[in-house]
Protein backbone atom coordinates (compact mmCIF):
# COMPACT_ATOMS: atom_id res chain seq x y z
CA UNK A 1 -23.80 2.91 23.25
CA UNK A 2 -25.56 6.28 23.16
CA UNK A 3 -22.30 7.96 22.20
CA UNK A 4 -22.61 6.23 18.60
CA UNK A 5 -25.81 8.25 17.74
CA UNK A 6 -23.74 11.49 17.87
CA UNK A 7 -22.97 13.29 14.39
CA UNK A 8 -19.14 13.16 14.50
CA UNK A 9 -17.39 15.21 12.01
CA UNK A 10 -14.07 13.67 10.90
CA UNK A 11 -11.25 14.71 8.52
CA UNK A 12 -9.07 12.22 6.84
CA UNK A 13 -5.87 13.55 5.16
CA UNK A 14 -3.31 12.38 2.96
CA UNK A 15 -2.74 10.36 -0.44
CA UNK A 16 -0.42 10.51 -3.28
CA UNK A 17 -0.37 6.79 -3.89
CA UNK A 18 -2.68 3.81 -3.46
CA UNK A 19 -0.61 2.82 -0.38
CA UNK A 20 -1.90 5.93 1.42
CA UNK A 21 -5.47 5.99 -0.21
CA UNK A 22 -6.53 2.39 0.12
CA UNK A 23 -5.92 2.61 3.98
CA UNK A 24 -7.59 5.88 4.26
CA UNK A 25 -10.87 4.81 2.47
CA UNK A 26 -10.85 1.43 4.57
CA UNK A 27 -10.84 3.68 7.74
CA UNK A 28 -13.59 5.84 6.45
CA UNK A 29 -15.78 2.80 5.55
CA UNK A 30 -15.36 1.42 8.86
CA UNK A 31 -15.97 4.71 10.77
CA UNK A 32 -19.30 4.90 8.62
CA UNK A 33 -20.27 1.44 9.74
CA UNK A 34 -19.73 2.29 13.31
CA UNK A 35 -21.05 5.85 13.15
CA UNK A 36 -23.88 5.96 10.45
CA UNK A 37 -24.31 9.69 11.13
CA UNK A 38 -20.66 10.77 10.99
CA UNK A 39 -19.90 13.32 8.41
CA UNK A 40 -16.22 12.43 6.92
CA UNK A 41 -14.30 14.95 4.75
CA UNK A 42 -11.03 14.14 2.80
CA UNK A 43 -8.33 16.37 2.29
CA UNK A 44 -5.90 15.50 -0.36
CA UNK A 45 -3.37 17.11 -2.80
CA UNK A 46 -4.54 18.57 -6.12
CA UNK A 47 -3.74 16.54 -9.17
CA UNK A 48 -2.98 13.25 -7.27
CA UNK A 49 -4.84 10.10 -7.54
CA UNK A 50 -6.92 10.73 -4.14
CA UNK A 51 -8.84 13.47 -6.05
CA UNK A 52 -10.34 10.80 -8.30
CA UNK A 53 -10.39 7.80 -6.12
CA UNK A 54 -11.97 9.23 -3.03
CA UNK A 55 -15.17 10.52 -4.76
CA UNK A 56 -15.57 7.26 -6.42
CA UNK A 57 -15.45 5.72 -2.88
CA UNK A 58 -18.31 8.00 -2.05
CA UNK A 59 -16.66 10.70 0.11
CA UNK A 60 -16.05 14.45 -0.36
CA UNK A 61 -12.60 15.76 -0.91
CA UNK A 62 -10.98 19.26 -0.91
CA UNK A 63 -7.43 19.68 -2.64
CA UNK A 64 -4.26 21.43 -1.56
CA UNK A 65 -1.74 23.10 -3.73
CA UNK A 66 1.00 20.93 -2.38
CA UNK A 67 3.73 18.44 -3.54
CA UNK A 68 6.89 16.94 -2.17
CA UNK A 69 10.33 18.76 -1.66
CA UNK A 70 12.66 16.91 -4.23
CA UNK A 71 15.92 15.67 -2.55
CA UNK A 72 17.95 16.55 -5.79
CA UNK A 73 18.37 20.19 -7.24
CA UNK A 74 15.09 20.91 -8.95
CA UNK A 75 13.40 24.13 -10.18
CA UNK A 76 10.15 22.58 -8.53
CA UNK A 77 11.70 23.21 -5.30
CA UNK A 78 11.48 26.98 -5.89
CA UNK A 79 7.67 26.95 -5.60
CA UNK A 80 7.64 24.54 -2.58
CA UNK A 81 7.60 27.51 0.20
CA UNK A 82 4.51 29.09 -1.65
CA UNK A 83 2.91 25.86 -1.98
CA UNK A 84 3.33 25.02 1.69
CA UNK A 85 2.03 28.47 2.94
CA UNK A 86 -0.75 28.24 0.43
CA UNK A 87 -1.63 24.58 1.88
CA UNK A 88 -1.14 25.54 5.39
CA UNK A 89 -3.62 28.64 5.11
CA UNK A 90 -6.25 26.51 2.94
CA UNK A 91 -6.08 23.64 5.66
CA UNK A 92 -6.54 25.96 8.38
CA UNK A 93 -9.72 27.49 6.48
CA UNK A 94 -11.17 23.90 5.87
CA UNK A 95 -10.57 22.96 9.44
CA UNK A 96 -12.29 25.91 11.00
CA UNK A 97 -15.11 25.63 8.66
CA UNK A 98 -15.69 22.15 8.98
CA UNK A 99 -14.94 21.88 12.74
CA UNK A 100 -14.08 18.20 13.01
CA UNK A 101 -14.00 16.26 16.05
CA UNK A 102 -10.76 14.53 15.18
CA UNK A 103 -8.30 14.54 12.26
CA UNK A 104 -6.70 11.39 10.89
CA UNK A 105 -3.47 11.57 8.70
CA UNK A 106 -2.31 8.75 6.66
CA UNK A 107 0.83 10.11 5.20
CA UNK A 108 1.33 11.90 1.80
CA UNK A 109 1.80 15.56 0.80
CA UNK A 110 -1.56 16.81 1.99
CA UNK A 111 -1.22 15.20 5.45
CA UNK A 112 1.34 17.46 6.56
CA UNK A 113 -0.28 20.79 6.40
CA UNK A 114 -3.59 19.45 7.53
CA UNK A 115 -2.12 17.66 10.67
CA UNK A 116 -0.18 20.96 11.52
CA UNK A 117 -3.10 23.27 11.50
CA UNK A 118 -5.32 20.72 13.37
CA UNK A 119 -2.93 20.41 16.13
CA UNK A 120 -2.61 24.37 16.25
CA UNK A 121 -6.35 24.50 16.66
CA UNK A 122 -6.17 22.14 19.43
CA UNK A 123 -8.11 19.43 17.53
CA UNK A 124 -6.86 15.73 18.29
CA UNK A 125 -4.90 14.26 15.67
CA UNK A 126 -4.41 10.38 14.76
CA UNK A 127 -1.67 9.08 12.67
CA UNK A 128 -1.70 5.95 10.61
CA UNK A 129 1.76 4.98 9.63
CA UNK A 130 1.90 2.22 6.90
CA UNK A 131 5.61 1.59 6.93
CA UNK A 132 8.30 0.14 9.00
CA UNK A 133 10.21 3.39 8.35
CA UNK A 134 8.09 6.44 8.77
CA UNK A 135 7.74 9.24 6.41
CA UNK A 136 8.96 12.67 7.08
CA UNK A 137 5.37 14.14 7.73
CA UNK A 138 4.42 11.70 10.34
CA UNK A 139 7.66 12.03 12.11
CA UNK A 140 7.35 15.90 12.27
CA UNK A 141 3.82 15.81 13.71
CA UNK A 142 4.10 12.58 16.02
CA UNK A 143 4.62 14.59 19.24
CA UNK A 144 1.35 16.36 18.81
CA UNK A 145 -0.64 13.18 18.06
CA UNK A 146 -3.07 11.56 20.56
CA UNK A 147 -2.54 8.12 19.04
CA UNK A 148 -0.14 6.74 16.50
CA UNK A 149 -1.50 3.51 14.59
CA UNK A 150 1.37 1.33 13.20
CA UNK A 151 1.98 -1.71 11.17
CA UNK A 152 5.23 -2.80 12.68
CA UNK A 153 7.00 -3.29 16.15
CA UNK A 154 9.73 -1.29 17.32
CA UNK A 155 8.54 1.96 16.18
CA UNK A 156 9.62 3.67 19.23
CA UNK A 157 12.78 4.75 17.58
CA UNK A 158 10.82 7.47 15.82
CA UNK A 159 7.58 7.88 17.63
CA UNK A 160 6.74 8.49 21.52
CA UNK A 161 6.37 5.07 22.90
CA UNK A 162 3.01 5.86 24.96
CA UNK A 163 1.15 6.98 22.00
CA UNK A 164 1.98 3.87 19.67
CA UNK A 165 -0.62 1.20 18.92
CA UNK A 166 0.30 -1.73 16.69
CA UNK A 167 -2.87 -2.15 14.58
CA UNK A 168 -1.71 -3.16 11.33
CA UNK A 169 -2.62 -1.71 7.62
CA UNK A 170 -6.34 -1.55 6.76
CA UNK A 171 -6.63 -3.41 3.41
CA UNK A 172 -9.14 -2.58 0.47
CA UNK A 173 -12.42 -4.36 0.78
CA UNK A 174 -11.99 -6.48 -2.41
CA UNK A 175 -8.95 -8.57 -0.92
CA UNK A 176 -10.79 -11.23 0.98
CA UNK A 177 -10.32 -14.93 1.83
CA UNK A 178 -9.06 -17.00 -1.39
CA UNK A 179 -10.25 -20.35 -0.14
CA UNK A 180 -11.73 -22.37 -2.77
CA UNK A 181 -10.95 -20.03 -5.68
CA UNK A 182 -7.79 -21.52 -7.11
CA UNK A 183 -9.53 -23.45 -10.11
CA UNK A 184 -11.79 -20.34 -10.92
CA UNK A 185 -8.62 -18.09 -10.90
CA UNK A 186 -6.80 -20.24 -13.23
CA UNK A 187 -9.85 -20.48 -15.59
CA UNK A 188 -10.20 -16.64 -15.43
CA UNK A 189 -6.64 -16.07 -16.74
CA UNK A 190 -6.88 -19.10 -19.22
CA UNK A 191 -4.11 -21.04 -17.38
CA UNK A 192 -3.38 -24.71 -16.91
CA UNK A 193 -4.47 -26.26 -13.63
CA UNK A 194 -1.52 -28.58 -13.65
CA UNK A 195 1.20 -25.91 -13.71
CA UNK A 196 2.64 -23.72 -11.07
CA UNK A 197 2.02 -20.06 -11.26
CA UNK A 198 3.90 -16.90 -10.67
CA UNK A 199 2.09 -13.59 -10.39
CA UNK A 200 4.02 -10.40 -11.00
CA UNK A 201 2.47 -7.14 -9.66
CA UNK A 202 4.45 -3.92 -10.14
CA UNK A 203 1.76 -1.43 -9.35
CA UNK A 204 -0.68 0.35 -11.85
CA UNK A 205 2.24 1.95 -13.64
CA UNK A 206 4.21 -1.35 -13.86
CA UNK A 207 7.63 -1.74 -12.57
CA UNK A 208 10.49 -1.24 -14.98
CA UNK A 209 13.27 -3.16 -12.97
CA UNK A 210 10.95 -6.21 -12.52
CA UNK A 211 9.86 -6.03 -16.15
CA UNK A 212 13.26 -6.03 -17.40
CA UNK A 213 14.27 -8.87 -15.20
CA UNK A 214 11.44 -11.01 -16.75
CA UNK A 215 12.35 -9.83 -20.33
CA UNK A 216 16.01 -10.51 -19.91
CA UNK A 217 15.42 -14.42 -19.12
CA UNK A 218 12.08 -14.74 -20.52
CA UNK A 219 13.41 -17.87 -22.81
CA UNK A 220 14.14 -19.72 -19.54
CA UNK A 221 10.52 -20.43 -19.25
CA UNK A 222 11.10 -22.83 -22.06
CA UNK A 223 13.32 -25.13 -19.78
CA UNK A 224 11.09 -24.66 -16.78
CA UNK A 225 7.34 -25.88 -16.98
CA UNK A 226 5.74 -22.73 -15.11
CA UNK A 227 3.27 -20.10 -15.95
CA UNK A 228 3.17 -16.38 -15.52
CA UNK A 229 0.38 -13.70 -14.94
CA UNK A 230 2.29 -10.54 -15.77
CA UNK A 231 0.97 -7.04 -14.73
CA UNK A 232 3.08 -4.92 -17.12
CA UNK A 233 1.88 -1.51 -16.49
CA UNK A 234 0.72 0.56 -19.49
CA UNK A 235 4.22 1.62 -20.68
CA UNK A 236 5.73 -1.92 -21.05
CA UNK A 237 2.69 -3.69 -22.14
CA UNK A 238 3.38 -3.65 -25.82
CA UNK A 239 6.96 -4.78 -25.44
CA UNK A 240 5.90 -7.60 -23.16
CA UNK A 241 3.42 -8.88 -25.49
CA UNK A 242 5.95 -8.78 -28.26
CA UNK A 243 8.53 -10.73 -26.40
CA UNK A 244 6.30 -13.44 -25.28
CA UNK A 245 5.15 -14.00 -28.98
CA UNK A 246 8.40 -13.99 -30.17
CA UNK A 247 9.34 -16.78 -27.68
CA UNK A 248 5.96 -18.82 -28.33
CA UNK A 249 4.88 -18.49 -24.76
CA UNK A 250 1.46 -17.04 -25.31
CA UNK A 251 -0.08 -20.06 -23.59
CA UNK A 252 1.80 -19.86 -20.43
CA UNK A 253 2.33 -16.04 -19.99
CA UNK A 254 -0.66 -13.75 -19.70
CA UNK A 255 0.12 -10.15 -20.12
CA UNK A 256 -2.21 -7.41 -18.77
CA UNK A 257 -1.86 -3.62 -18.16
CA UNK A 258 -3.73 -3.81 -14.72
CA UNK A 259 -5.42 -6.44 -12.94
CA UNK A 260 -9.01 -5.61 -11.53
CA UNK A 261 -9.65 -9.00 -10.06
CA UNK A 262 -6.49 -9.06 -7.69
CA UNK A 263 -8.46 -11.60 -5.58
CA UNK A 264 -8.35 -14.11 -8.44
CA UNK A 265 -4.74 -13.23 -9.35
CA UNK A 266 -3.50 -13.78 -5.77
CA UNK A 267 -5.61 -17.18 -5.61
CA UNK A 268 -3.95 -18.58 -8.81
CA UNK A 269 -0.30 -17.67 -7.51
CA UNK A 270 2.02 -20.14 -6.11
CA UNK A 271 4.71 -17.33 -5.79
CA UNK A 272 4.11 -13.55 -6.04
CA UNK A 273 6.76 -11.07 -7.41
CA UNK A 274 6.11 -7.79 -5.85
CA UNK A 275 7.30 -4.23 -4.78
CA UNK A 276 7.74 -4.01 -1.00
CA UNK A 277 5.24 -1.27 -0.40
CA UNK A 278 3.49 -1.32 2.93
CA UNK A 279 0.13 -2.28 1.64
CA UNK A 280 1.31 -4.98 -0.78
CA UNK A 281 3.10 -6.55 2.36
CA UNK A 282 -0.15 -6.50 4.45
CA UNK A 283 -2.18 -8.09 1.73
CA UNK A 284 0.27 -10.76 1.07
CA UNK A 285 0.66 -11.50 4.60
CA UNK A 286 -2.99 -11.74 5.23
CA UNK A 287 -3.36 -13.88 2.17
CA UNK A 288 -0.56 -16.26 3.19
CA UNK A 289 1.38 -15.94 -0.03
CA UNK A 290 5.09 -17.09 -0.74
CA UNK A 291 6.79 -13.55 -1.95
CA UNK A 292 9.93 -12.45 -3.87
CA UNK A 293 10.26 -8.79 -2.99
CA UNK A 294 12.03 -6.33 -5.26
CA UNK A 295 11.88 -3.04 -3.53
CA UNK A 296 11.59 0.13 -5.35
CA UNK A 297 15.05 1.75 -4.80
CA UNK A 298 13.75 5.34 -5.12
CA UNK A 299 11.26 5.03 -2.51
CA UNK A 300 11.50 7.84 0.30
CA UNK A 301 14.30 6.96 2.84
CA UNK A 302 14.73 3.49 0.92
CA UNK A 303 11.71 2.50 3.11
CA UNK A 304 10.81 -0.32 0.87
CA UNK A 305 14.04 -2.21 1.31
CA UNK A 306 13.54 -1.76 5.01
CA UNK A 307 10.03 -2.98 4.89
CA UNK A 308 11.22 -6.07 2.83
CA UNK A 309 14.29 -6.77 5.27
CA UNK A 310 11.76 -7.12 8.15
CA UNK A 311 10.31 -10.24 6.28
CA UNK A 312 13.57 -11.56 5.05
CA UNK A 313 15.12 -11.47 8.69
CA UNK A 314 12.04 -13.59 9.84
CA UNK A 315 12.33 -16.16 6.96
CA UNK A 316 9.02 -14.85 5.83
CA UNK A 317 9.90 -13.71 2.30
CA UNK A 318 12.91 -13.70 -0.25
CA UNK A 319 14.25 -10.43 -1.69
CA UNK A 320 16.22 -9.55 -4.92
CA UNK A 321 17.75 -5.86 -5.42
CA UNK A 322 16.24 -4.01 -8.30
CA UNK A 323 19.63 -3.83 -10.08
CA UNK A 324 20.17 -7.59 -9.98
CA UNK A 325 16.80 -8.54 -11.52
CA UNK A 326 18.04 -9.20 -15.05
CA UNK A 327 20.37 -11.91 -13.78
CA UNK A 328 18.79 -13.03 -10.48
CA UNK A 329 15.06 -12.76 -10.41
CA UNK A 330 13.70 -15.68 -12.64
CA UNK A 331 16.56 -18.07 -11.31
CA UNK A 332 15.58 -17.30 -7.51
CA UNK A 333 11.65 -17.68 -8.37
CA UNK A 334 12.27 -20.92 -10.26
CA UNK A 335 14.54 -22.48 -7.35
CA UNK A 336 11.79 -21.29 -4.93
CA UNK A 337 9.16 -23.21 -6.89
CA UNK A 338 11.19 -26.27 -6.94
CA UNK A 339 11.67 -26.24 -3.17
CA UNK A 340 8.26 -27.16 -1.75
CA UNK A 341 9.78 -27.15 1.75
CA UNK A 342 10.99 -23.55 1.65
CA UNK A 343 7.60 -22.43 0.02
CA UNK A 344 5.74 -23.77 2.76
CA UNK A 345 8.21 -22.11 5.50
CA UNK A 346 7.61 -18.64 3.74
CA UNK A 347 4.00 -19.06 3.79
CA UNK A 348 3.82 -20.30 7.41
CA UNK A 349 6.12 -17.22 8.51
CA UNK A 350 4.50 -14.44 6.55
CA UNK A 351 1.11 -14.98 7.84
CA UNK A 352 2.44 -13.83 11.44
CA UNK A 353 2.78 -10.49 9.99
CA UNK A 354 -0.89 -10.33 9.21
CA UNK A 355 -3.26 -8.12 11.04
CA UNK A 356 -6.81 -8.88 9.66
CA UNK A 357 -8.76 -6.55 12.05
CA UNK A 358 -6.55 -3.26 11.38
CA UNK A 359 -9.31 -0.98 10.21
CA UNK A 360 -11.60 -2.04 13.43
CA UNK A 361 -8.55 -1.66 15.70
CA UNK A 362 -7.74 1.98 14.44
CA UNK A 363 -11.59 2.97 14.62
CA UNK A 364 -11.43 1.49 18.25
CA UNK A 365 -8.45 4.03 19.07
CA UNK A 366 -10.48 6.83 17.28
CA UNK A 367 -13.58 6.14 19.34
CA UNK A 368 -11.48 6.36 22.60
CA UNK A 369 -10.59 9.81 21.47
CA UNK A 370 -14.07 10.75 20.42
CA UNK A 371 -15.52 9.68 23.72
CA UNK A 372 -13.23 12.00 25.57
CA UNK A 373 -14.29 14.92 23.48
C-alpha cells in the first residue's frame, strides 16, 4: 500500500505502571514495523517509570507535571489543580508543535490531559483500555474517541458500543512461546526436574500480602514436596532469605528480588501466584498457565478483583483475597497441585482469554483512522 510510505506522526500517552507502559511500547514497536518512517513521541508523567523505560525502548518522551488525585484526605490534593492546569497547557503546546495524525492513550496520569487537548484540537484519539473495569481517565474521554480498544467483553457499560473493538492487551516482546523450555528453566533456577514448581510474582516492588502469606506457612513445604521461585521485591528479600534458611529450604525455595528471565520463570511453573493486573492476566492466558490470583486491594476502583473474577467465573483461575493469604494461600496452592484434573481445566479455560495478535489488531484500527486523514 502506498499509504504506508507516508511519514505519520503519532503520540502515545500514559504510563505510571508497567501495566500501562508495556502495552504502549508494544504498540509503538508494531507501528514502527508497519510504518518505518513514522515519528513516534511519548508523553508521560514526570518522575514516573515511563521517563526511564520509554527511552530505553528507543523512543523520545516528554513529561507532564501530573499525579493522581488521592481519594483520601491528603495535602498532595492541594497541588492537584495547579498540576492539572500546567499539564493541560504543556500537553497542548507539545501537540501543536508535534502536529500528530493520531494520539493514542493507554491510561495513567499523563493520558488524561494529552487526550483532552488532542480532542479539543480535533486530532483523532484512540483509547487502549487494559482492564475489565476502566480507569477514570479513559471513561472521561471515551465519547471523543475514534476507537476504543479493549481486552474484555461487555465494556459497553462504560464506553459507546459503536466505538469498541475487542483486541486484547499487547504484551512485552520477551514473553513468547514456552514450548520445550521446561528443563532449561528448572536448570536456570537450580531446581529439581522431578518436583512440581510454584512461581510467585508480585511485581517489581514485591507484594506484601502475598509475601506474608508464604512466610506464615513456610514450614508447610516440609510436609509437601514442592518447590518455589519467589520474586520477593527488594523490600522483603532479606526477610524471605532468612526465613527460608531457618526452615532449611534453600534447595527448594529460590528467592530473587526481580526476575529478568520471565519466559524461563513461567516455563518452570506448574502453578503461578500473581496479582490480577491486566497485563499479568494477558500474559498468563497466552501462556496457558494455572493461576491463583491475589488481587491488590488498593488498586483503583478495586479493578484487580473485578479482573480476577472474570476468570474465576469462567473456571479459568482461582482467587484468594489479600487479607486471607496467611491462612489460605499455600493450602489452596497445594490442593491445586494435587488435583491434576482441576489444573488441566484451569489451563484449558484460561487460554480462551488469550489474544496473541493484540498489538497488530490495535495497529489495524489506528491504520484505518490514518487512512481517513
